[in-house]
C-alpha atoms as a PDB file:
ATOM      1  CA  MET A   1      84.867 304.453-170.747  1.00  0.00           C
ATOM      2  CA  ARG A   2      82.734 305.851-173.321  1.00  0.00           C
ATOM      3  CA  PHE A   3      82.165 304.932-177.103  1.00  0.00           C
ATOM      4  CA  LYS A   4      82.823 308.288-179.040  1.00  0.00           C
ATOM      5  CA  THR A   5      83.045 306.580-182.271  1.00  0.00           C
ATOM      6  CA  LEU A   6      82.139 303.256-183.955  1.00  0.00           C
ATOM      7  CA  LYS A   7      82.476 302.605-187.214  1.00  0.00           C
ATOM      8  CA  LEU A   8      81.129 299.109-188.983  1.00  0.00           C
ATOM      9  CA  TYR A   9      81.133 297.355-192.213  1.00  0.00           C
ATOM     10  CA  THR A  10      78.385 296.582-194.731  1.00  0.00           C
ATOM     11  CA  HIS A  11      77.380 295.196-197.807  1.00  0.00           C
ATOM     12  CA  ILE A  12      74.048 297.192-198.127  1.00  0.00           C
ATOM     13  CA  LEU A  13      75.075 300.809-197.123  1.00  0.00           C
ATOM     14  CA  GLU A  14      71.741 302.175-198.502  1.00  0.00           C
ATOM     15  CA  ALA A  15      69.919 300.436-196.950  1.00  0.00           C
ATOM     16  CA  GLU A  16      71.678 301.096-193.812  1.00  0.00           C
ATOM     17  CA  LEU A  17      71.823 304.495-194.163  1.00  0.00           C
ATOM     18  CA  HIS A  18      67.451 304.521-194.734  1.00  0.00           C
ATOM     19  CA  PHE A  19      66.905 302.146-191.772  1.00  0.00           C
ATOM     20  CA  TYR A  20      68.850 304.421-189.516  1.00  0.00           C
ATOM     21  CA  SER A  21      68.066 308.611-190.971  1.00  0.00           C
ATOM     22  CA  GLU A  22      64.586 307.445-191.918  1.00  0.00           C
ATOM     23  CA  ILE A  23      62.934 304.372-190.100  1.00  0.00           C
ATOM     24  CA  LEU A  24      64.758 305.356-186.772  1.00  0.00           C
ATOM     25  CA  GLY A  25      65.555 308.697-187.342  1.00  0.00           C
ATOM     26  CA  PHE A  26      68.682 309.595-186.531  1.00  0.00           C
ATOM     27  CA  GLU A  27      70.492 312.509-187.108  1.00  0.00           C
ATOM     28  CA  LEU A  28      72.411 312.150-189.932  1.00  0.00           C
ATOM     29  CA  ILE A  29      75.950 313.933-189.393  1.00  0.00           C
ATOM     30  CA  ASP A  30      77.719 313.188-192.755  1.00  0.00           C
ATOM     31  CA  LYS A  31      77.173 311.467-195.845  1.00  0.00           C
ATOM     32  CA  SER A  32      79.492 310.274-198.643  1.00  0.00           C
ATOM     33  CA  ASN A  33      79.296 307.547-201.944  1.00  0.00           C
ATOM     34  CA  ASN A  34      80.891 305.368-199.306  1.00  0.00           C
ATOM     35  CA  THR A  35      79.877 306.021-195.612  1.00  0.00           C
ATOM     36  CA  PHE A  36      77.328 307.479-193.379  1.00  0.00           C
ATOM     37  CA  THR A  37      76.991 308.608-189.972  1.00  0.00           C
ATOM     38  CA  VAL A  38      74.773 309.540-187.810  1.00  0.00           C
ATOM     39  CA  LYS A  39      74.267 311.032-184.640  1.00  0.00           C
ATOM     40  CA  VAL A  40      73.683 308.490-181.540  1.00  0.00           C
ATOM     41  CA  GLY A  41      73.581 310.504-177.609  1.00  0.00           C
ATOM     42  CA  TRP A  42      77.138 311.321-177.407  1.00  0.00           C
ATOM     43  CA  SER A  43      78.200 309.057-179.721  1.00  0.00           C
ATOM     44  CA  MET A  44      78.632 308.757-183.611  1.00  0.00           C
ATOM     45  CA  LEU A  45      77.789 305.582-185.309  1.00  0.00           C
ATOM     46  CA  THR A  46      79.412 305.220-189.061  1.00  0.00           C
ATOM     47  CA  PHE A  47      78.947 302.528-191.530  1.00  0.00           C
ATOM     48  CA  GLU A  48      81.218 302.013-194.342  1.00  0.00           C
ATOM     49  CA  ARG A  49      80.305 300.307-197.531  1.00  0.00           C
ATOM     50  CA  SER A  50      82.449 297.110-198.494  1.00  0.00           C
ATOM     51  CA  GLU A  51      82.201 294.061-200.292  1.00  0.00           C
ATOM     52  CA  LYS A  52      81.867 291.320-197.469  1.00  0.00           C
ATOM     53  CA  ILE A  53      79.527 290.697-195.557  1.00  0.00           C
ATOM     54  CA  SER A  54      79.858 290.879-191.856  1.00  0.00           C
ATOM     55  CA  GLN A  55      77.456 290.455-188.532  1.00  0.00           C
ATOM     56  CA  TYR A  56      77.559 292.547-186.078  1.00  0.00           C
ATOM     57  CA  HIS A  57      76.257 292.476-182.302  1.00  0.00           C
ATOM     58  CA  TYR A  58      76.234 296.126-181.185  1.00  0.00           C
ATOM     59  CA  CYS A  59      73.815 298.034-178.441  1.00  0.00           C
ATOM     60  CA  PHE A  60      72.756 301.467-177.605  1.00  0.00           C
ATOM     61  CA  LEU A  61      71.949 302.496-173.921  1.00  0.00           C
ATOM     62  CA  ILE A  62      68.547 303.883-173.235  1.00  0.00           C
ATOM     63  CA  PRO A  63      67.185 306.117-169.761  1.00  0.00           C
ATOM     64  CA  ALA A  64      66.414 303.830-166.886  1.00  0.00           C
ATOM     65  CA  ASN A  65      63.212 304.845-166.740  1.00  0.00           C
ATOM     66  CA  GLN A  66      62.097 304.468-171.237  1.00  0.00           C
ATOM     67  CA  LEU A  67      62.480 300.810-171.274  1.00  0.00           C
ATOM     68  CA  HIS A  68      58.317 300.560-172.422  1.00  0.00           C
ATOM     69  CA  GLN A  69      58.482 303.443-174.049  1.00  0.00           C
ATOM     70  CA  ALA A  70      61.509 302.420-175.922  1.00  0.00           C
ATOM     71  CA  LEU A  71      59.622 298.947-176.580  1.00  0.00           C
ATOM     72  CA  LYS A  72      56.553 300.633-177.874  1.00  0.00           C
ATOM     73  CA  TRP A  73      57.893 302.754-179.894  1.00  0.00           C
ATOM     74  CA  MET A  74      60.933 300.710-181.693  1.00  0.00           C
ATOM     75  CA  SER A  75      57.678 298.131-181.848  1.00  0.00           C
ATOM     76  CA  GLU A  76      56.227 300.790-184.142  1.00  0.00           C
ATOM     77  CA  ARG A  77      59.261 300.944-186.405  1.00  0.00           C
ATOM     78  CA  VAL A  78      61.079 297.094-187.059  1.00  0.00           C
ATOM     79  CA  ASP A  79      60.240 293.721-186.102  1.00  0.00           C
ATOM     80  CA  VAL A  80      60.937 293.358-182.157  1.00  0.00           C
ATOM     81  CA  ILE A  81      62.629 290.004-181.399  1.00  0.00           C
ATOM     82  CA  GLU A  82      60.515 287.751-179.982  1.00  0.00           C
ATOM     83  CA  LEU A  83      62.035 286.061-176.608  1.00  0.00           C
ATOM     84  CA  ASP A  84      60.499 283.163-175.119  1.00  0.00           C
ATOM     85  CA  LYS A  85      56.907 283.168-174.348  1.00  0.00           C
ATOM     86  CA  GLY A  86      55.881 286.022-176.204  1.00  0.00           C
ATOM     87  CA  LYS A  87      57.905 288.120-173.959  1.00  0.00           C
ATOM     88  CA  ASN A  88      60.417 291.282-176.002  1.00  0.00           C
ATOM     89  CA  ILE A  89      62.962 291.815-172.639  1.00  0.00           C
ATOM     90  CA  HIS A  90      65.272 289.424-171.072  1.00  0.00           C
ATOM     91  CA  ASN A  91      66.242 290.638-167.687  1.00  0.00           C
ATOM     92  CA  PHE A  92      70.244 290.450-166.842  1.00  0.00           C
ATOM     93  CA  LYS A  93      70.156 290.183-163.366  1.00  0.00           C
ATOM     94  CA  THR A  94      73.943 290.431-162.351  1.00  0.00           C
ATOM     95  CA  TRP A  95      73.858 293.499-164.448  1.00  0.00           C
ATOM     96  CA  ASN A  96      70.628 295.095-162.667  1.00  0.00           C
ATOM     97  CA  ALA A  97      69.934 295.417-166.773  1.00  0.00           C
ATOM     98  CA  ASP A  98      66.665 294.981-169.440  1.00  0.00           C
ATOM     99  CA  SER A  99      67.130 294.635-172.525  1.00  0.00           C
ATOM    100  CA  PHE A 100      65.254 294.512-176.327  1.00  0.00           C
ATOM    101  CA  TYR A 101      66.605 292.922-179.595  1.00  0.00           C
ATOM    102  CA  PHE A 102      65.922 293.958-183.461  1.00  0.00           C
ATOM    103  CA  TYR A 103      67.774 293.193-186.067  1.00  0.00           C
ATOM    104  CA  ASP A 104      69.299 296.272-188.713  1.00  0.00           C
ATOM    105  CA  ALA A 105      68.973 296.611-192.342  1.00  0.00           C
ATOM    106  CA  SER A 106      72.159 294.580-192.516  1.00  0.00           C
ATOM    107  CA  GLY A 107      71.098 291.296-190.408  1.00  0.00           C
ATOM    108  CA  ASN A 108      73.358 292.982-187.597  1.00  0.00           C
ATOM    109  CA  ILE A 109      71.715 291.766-183.919  1.00  0.00           C
ATOM    110  CA  ALA A 110      71.074 295.064-182.377  1.00  0.00           C
ATOM    111  CA  GLU A 111      70.145 296.020-178.789  1.00  0.00           C
ATOM    112  CA  CYS A 112      68.373 298.461-176.754  1.00  0.00           C
ATOM    113  CA  ILE A 113      69.232 298.168-173.084  1.00  0.00           C
ATOM    114  CA  VAL A 114      68.616 300.326-169.695  1.00  0.00           C
ATOM    115  CA  ARG A 115      71.117 299.842-166.833  1.00  0.00           C
ATOM    116  CA  TYR A 116      68.921 301.195-163.470  1.00  0.00           C
ATOM    117  CA  ASP A 117      72.479 301.992-161.310  1.00  0.00           C
ATOM    118  CA  LEU A 118      73.007 304.737-164.138  1.00  0.00           C
ATOM    119  CA  ASN A 119      71.439 307.352-163.252  1.00  0.00           C
ATOM    120  CA  THR A 120      69.917 308.143-166.399  1.00  0.00           C
ATOM    121  CA  ASN A 121      66.125 309.071-166.181  1.00  0.00           C
ATOM    122  CA  ASN A 122      64.863 311.362-168.911  1.00  0.00           C
ATOM    123  CA  ASP A 123      61.178 312.615-168.471  1.00  0.00           C
ATOM    124  CA  SER A 124      60.437 313.488-172.247  1.00  0.00           C
ATOM    125  CA  ASN A 125      58.845 311.169-175.022  1.00  0.00           C
ATOM    126  CA  PHE A 126      60.861 308.871-175.788  1.00  0.00           C
ATOM    127  CA  ASP A 127      62.268 308.908-179.565  1.00  0.00           C
ATOM    128  CA  SER A 128      65.435 308.318-181.265  1.00  0.00           C
ATOM    129  CA  SER A 129      66.954 311.410-179.975  1.00  0.00           C
ATOM    130  CA  ASN A 130      66.602 310.046-176.013  1.00  0.00           C
ATOM    131  CA  VAL A 131      69.222 307.154-177.283  1.00  0.00           C
ATOM    132  CA  LEU A 132      72.196 308.002-174.953  1.00  0.00           C
ATOM    133  CA  CYS A 133      74.992 306.565-176.786  1.00  0.00           C
ATOM    134  CA  ILE A 134      76.555 303.066-178.129  1.00  0.00           C
ATOM    135  CA  ASN A 135      76.451 301.135-174.953  1.00  0.00           C
ATOM    136  CA  GLU A 136      78.668 297.341-176.576  1.00  0.00           C
ATOM    137  CA  ILE A 137      79.979 296.636-179.310  1.00  0.00           C
ATOM    138  CA  GLY A 138      80.911 292.794-179.816  1.00  0.00           C
ATOM    139  CA  MET A 139      84.604 291.942-179.832  1.00  0.00           C
ATOM    140  CA  PRO A 140      84.715 287.945-180.545  1.00  0.00           C
ATOM    141  CA  THR A 141      87.921 286.248-179.541  1.00  0.00           C
ATOM    142  CA  ALA A 142      89.481 283.135-178.997  1.00  0.00           C
ATOM    143  CA  ASN A 143      91.289 284.042-175.720  1.00  0.00           C
ATOM    144  CA  VAL A 144      89.029 286.304-173.430  1.00  0.00           C
ATOM    145  CA  ASP A 145      91.872 286.275-170.709  1.00  0.00           C
ATOM    146  CA  LYS A 146      94.285 287.706-173.557  1.00  0.00           C
ATOM    147  CA  LEU A 147      92.449 290.335-175.460  1.00  0.00           C
ATOM    148  CA  ASN A 148      91.213 291.497-171.626  1.00  0.00           C
ATOM    149  CA  LYS A 149      94.664 291.844-170.726  1.00  0.00           C
ATOM    150  CA  GLN A 150      95.627 293.885-173.717  1.00  0.00           C
ATOM    151  CA  LEU A 151      92.544 296.065-173.162  1.00  0.00           C
ATOM    152  CA  GLU A 152      93.636 296.722-169.797  1.00  0.00           C
ATOM    153  CA  THR A 153      97.148 297.230-170.576  1.00  0.00           C
ATOM    154  CA  GLU A 154      96.578 299.520-173.496  1.00  0.00           C
ATOM    155  CA  LEU A 155      93.349 301.299-172.637  1.00  0.00           C
ATOM    156  CA  HIS A 156      93.239 301.076-169.052  1.00  0.00           C
ATOM    157  CA  THR A 157      89.886 300.150-168.592  1.00  0.00           C
ATOM    158  CA  ARG A 158      88.907 296.984-166.845  1.00  0.00           C
ATOM    159  CA  PHE A 159      87.194 293.692-166.892  1.00  0.00           C
ATOM    160  CA  TRP A 160      83.460 294.613-165.507  1.00  0.00           C
ATOM    161  CA  LYS A 161      81.121 291.076-165.413  1.00  0.00           C
ATOM    162  CA  GLY A 162      81.584 287.609-166.975  1.00  0.00           C
ATOM    163  CA  ASP A 163      84.413 284.993-166.725  1.00  0.00           C
ATOM    164  CA  LEU A 164      87.527 284.785-168.758  1.00  0.00           C
ATOM    165  CA  LYS A 165      86.782 281.363-170.643  1.00  0.00           C
ATOM    166  CA  ILE A 166      83.600 282.086-172.193  1.00  0.00           C
ATOM    167  CA  PHE A 167      82.142 285.067-172.207  1.00  0.00           C
ATOM    168  CA  GLY A 168      84.304 288.251-170.398  1.00  0.00           C
ATOM    169  CA  THR A 169      83.155 292.141-170.955  1.00  0.00           C
ATOM    170  CA  ASN A 170      85.428 294.547-170.415  1.00  0.00           C
ATOM    171  CA  GLY A 171      85.297 298.235-169.777  1.00  0.00           C
ATOM    172  CA  SER A 172      82.343 300.423-167.379  1.00  0.00           C
ATOM    173  CA  GLN A 173      78.325 300.742-167.839  1.00  0.00           C
ATOM    174  CA  GLU A 174      78.463 303.693-170.130  1.00  0.00           C
ATOM    175  CA  GLY A 175      80.593 301.517-172.367  1.00  0.00           C
ATOM    176  CA  LEU A 176      81.462 297.754-172.448  1.00  0.00           C
ATOM    177  CA  PHE A 177      83.370 295.516-174.941  1.00  0.00           C
ATOM    178  CA  LEU A 178      81.359 292.093-175.461  1.00  0.00           C
ATOM    179  CA  LEU A 179      84.008 289.542-175.572  1.00  0.00           C
ATOM    180  CA  PRO A 180      82.564 286.268-176.135  1.00  0.00           C
ATOM    181  CA  ASN A 181      85.090 283.088-176.787  1.00  0.00           C
ATOM    182  CA  TYR A 182      83.765 281.963-180.668  1.00  0.00           C
ATOM    183  CA  GLU A 183      85.310 278.982-179.982  1.00  0.00           C
ATOM    184  CA  VAL A 184      83.216 278.238-177.093  1.00  0.00           C
ATOM    185  CA  LYS A 185      79.929 280.049-177.506  1.00  0.00           C
ATOM    186  CA  ASP A 186      78.324 279.553-180.948  1.00  0.00           C
ATOM    187  CA  THR A 187      75.730 282.237-181.258  1.00  0.00           C
ATOM    188  CA  TRP A 188      74.695 286.151-180.341  1.00  0.00           C
ATOM    189  CA  PHE A 189      71.679 285.864-177.834  1.00  0.00           C
ATOM    190  CA  PRO A 190      68.885 285.836-178.709  1.00  0.00           C
ATOM    191  CA  THR A 191      69.621 284.477-182.149  1.00  0.00           C
ATOM    192  CA  SER A 192      71.176 282.324-184.879  1.00  0.00           C
ATOM    193  CA  ILE A 193      73.767 284.458-185.831  1.00  0.00           C
ATOM    194  CA  ASN A 194      77.367 282.919-185.162  1.00  0.00           C
ATOM    195  CA  ILE A 195      79.585 284.561-183.344  1.00  0.00           C
ATOM    196  CA  LYS A 196      82.641 285.314-185.293  1.00  0.00           C
ATOM    197  CA  PRO A 197      85.700 288.203-185.349  1.00  0.00           C
ATOM    198  CA  GLU A 198      84.347 290.908-187.338  1.00  0.00           C
ATOM    199  CA  PRO A 199      86.202 294.237-188.672  1.00  0.00           C
ATOM    200  CA  PHE A 200      85.495 297.001-186.447  1.00  0.00           C
ATOM    201  CA  GLU A 201      86.887 300.679-185.460  1.00  0.00           C
ATOM    202  CA  ALA A 202      86.092 303.047-182.862  1.00  0.00           C
ATOM    203  CA  VAL A 203      87.141 306.114-180.761  1.00  0.00           C
ATOM    204  CA  VAL A 204      86.754 305.545-177.349  1.00  0.00           C
ATOM    205  CA  ASP A 205      87.424 307.428-174.036  1.00  0.00           C
ATOM    206  CA  ASN A 206      88.087 305.990-170.757  1.00  0.00           C
ATOM    207  CA  GLY A 207      88.059 308.489-168.519  1.00  0.00           C
ATOM    208  CA  THR A 208      91.252 310.724-168.969  1.00  0.00           C
ATOM    209  CA  GLN A 209      92.097 309.936-172.342  1.00  0.00           C
ATOM    210  CA  ASP A 210      90.320 309.255-175.952  1.00  0.00           C
ATOM    211  CA  PHE A 211      92.347 305.843-177.628  1.00  0.00           C
ATOM    212  CA  LYS A 212      91.509 304.814-180.969  1.00  0.00           C
ATOM    213  CA  ILE A 213      91.345 300.671-181.277  1.00  0.00           C
ATOM    214  CA  VAL A 214      91.113 298.901-184.339  1.00  0.00           C
ATOM    215  CA  TYR A 215      89.358 295.291-184.350  1.00  0.00           C
ATOM    216  CA  ARG A 216      90.916 293.553-187.404  1.00  0.00           C
ATOM    217  CA  ASP A 217      91.764 289.815-188.666  1.00  0.00           C
ATOM    218  CA  LYS A 218      91.376 288.855-185.138  1.00  0.00           C
ATOM    219  CA  LYS A 219      94.089 291.285-183.974  1.00  0.00           C
ATOM    220  CA  LEU A 220      93.288 294.799-181.450  1.00  0.00           C
ATOM    221  CA  THR A 221      95.136 297.496-182.108  1.00  0.00           C
ATOM    222  CA  THR A 222      95.561 301.029-179.714  1.00  0.00           C
ATOM    223  CA  LYS A 223      96.600 303.834-180.324  1.00  0.00           C
ATOM    224  CA  ALA A 224      96.344 307.328-177.605  1.00  0.00           C
ATOM    225  CA  LEU A 225      95.189 309.778-179.140  1.00  0.00           C
END
């Protein structure tokens, strides 16, 4: 599965625009009084102005051989979150992946991940143009099994790893929905940000067809495109 587009909401649109277009240097594709869109590899990331404060967890995929380059590059621009014992990198042994984390301008928890099972090596010097795509978006739910079944039925995507009670994932290593049970799991690792359902929209490619999805008020709606 791939994310072609992802739209999130922010109460400080101008700060988020400055963060992505100026500090990180992502290519600005579109801008209006209430939205902007930047190019993130094969994905498009949009922020829309909102009066409501939302806090998301989302993730970018970076080339598998550029973890330390990307960490150095990002550390020169933002405060990368320090983990236990001064480390910045977290290893997901069962995912064969490594990640580091930072906050965007709105206080969302953003992540850069390398997935060693994917053939994504890049020999050029790392910058924001090397980011491959939007790789994950958090979709908190009170019923992981139910939401996963809806995704499998309507998007024809599959459960990937985790469990169907506390924290599951649906999709593929190129694009995943993170499905934490917010009644059991309190915060997004490695922060104190509460896990709660936040509205977002996306267009995803399941490998054969595109779908538009809207997640709002704890409900998922999908439409084949």
